[in-house]
């Protein structure tokens, strides 16, 4: 009997990552034991974690998970690892009952909302592996032959089915794609919490710095930015339920709003202010929208422009923004773009399904020049106080995003009389 292991990133064995870790608490329910090596997780919190776990959709595979371990820190930056218990005998995969999950960074992810996504993602590995072995007798290296890859339209994509292959890419790993799909379609509501991102005008008016939550579900609903979101794939939701023996009516994919062309003006600090709008084609349901932007050559670093609902005016201000204050000083927030950037709407319905709109790509170097040219001969004094163009502050040095780098630290706020 050959022993198989799929988890893959750093460790092949269940070892003590930290020297003789101290057990702070344990909790056992339905033959599943949760053990905390993190002082932030006591027994009552472990009980709540169990409740969170079963809030994710589950079936018979639940009984084949024996343990969850919470560690205070992380090896090499990973947030979780899943270890299956599967062996091979006479070309048939045998399911053992000792699969387990390691959750890392327990000191940082020290509440249920903070750790919920990581828990759901790792359980997604368990759910998908167990049910694909059970329903199709397929495992990691031969998942290309699964009905899943057919429905997910992955047959002609550079998907990795072997971690040892020379062209292996983590975001194309079939196991990671499946786990992301599980969270999107079957994960708990806590695993799919949204962050309320503010636009530049709101940030300036409220004197707030940019958010500190760069990995929320409504900013990065999945690891791989090159494939559609799971809810955008007809039949995928039903397939994920069918392999576990459940049948339900498929969700209705909404009509997608279309982003209108970007318009602009000149802020008081002499830099472009942009505005973009869209229509709501689904009048009978309230949707949450999050508008994101990313360099055209690097979709891995999306930056949120605003979160709003379909009951609000469907337009977003971004770029630079300025306000003239009572003492005639000018308060500005600056966000500069150069080169090609792509905008996309993430659309979340009342059931937590996330969809995406068609993208809109613009060259902001040309766009800003056109805005400056269009406004050159206009009256500088506008009633909305965002179209006047005095000289820019000599000490104002906006931090602009690289066309291929991180979009963090994009803002600066400057006040000048």
Foldseek 3Di string as FASTA:
>chain_A
DDWDKDDDDDDDDPDDPDPPQDWQEWDDDLQAIETESAVLAYHVQVVVVVVQLPLFDDFPLVQLEHYEYEEQADDPPDQKTKIFGWDDDPLAIDHHSHIYMYGYNCVPQRHCLSCQQVSQLRVLLSLVQVLCSVQPVDDQQPCLPPVLCVLQVNNPPPADSDSPDPPDDPQRDPSQVRSLLSCQQGHHVSSQDDDFFEAFVVCQVVVHDGDDDQDHCQQDSGQDPPGFHNLVGPPNNQVSVVSSPDGDDRDDDDDFKDKDDKDWAAFQQRFIKIKIFTADPDPPFKKKKWKWKAQPVAPNAIDTRGIDINVDGGMTIHAKHWDQDPVRKIKIKGFDDAAKMKMKMWIAGPVGNIGIHDIDIDGVNVVRVVNCVVLVPPDLDDPVNTHHYDHHDPPDDADYDDSHDHCPPRIDIDIGD
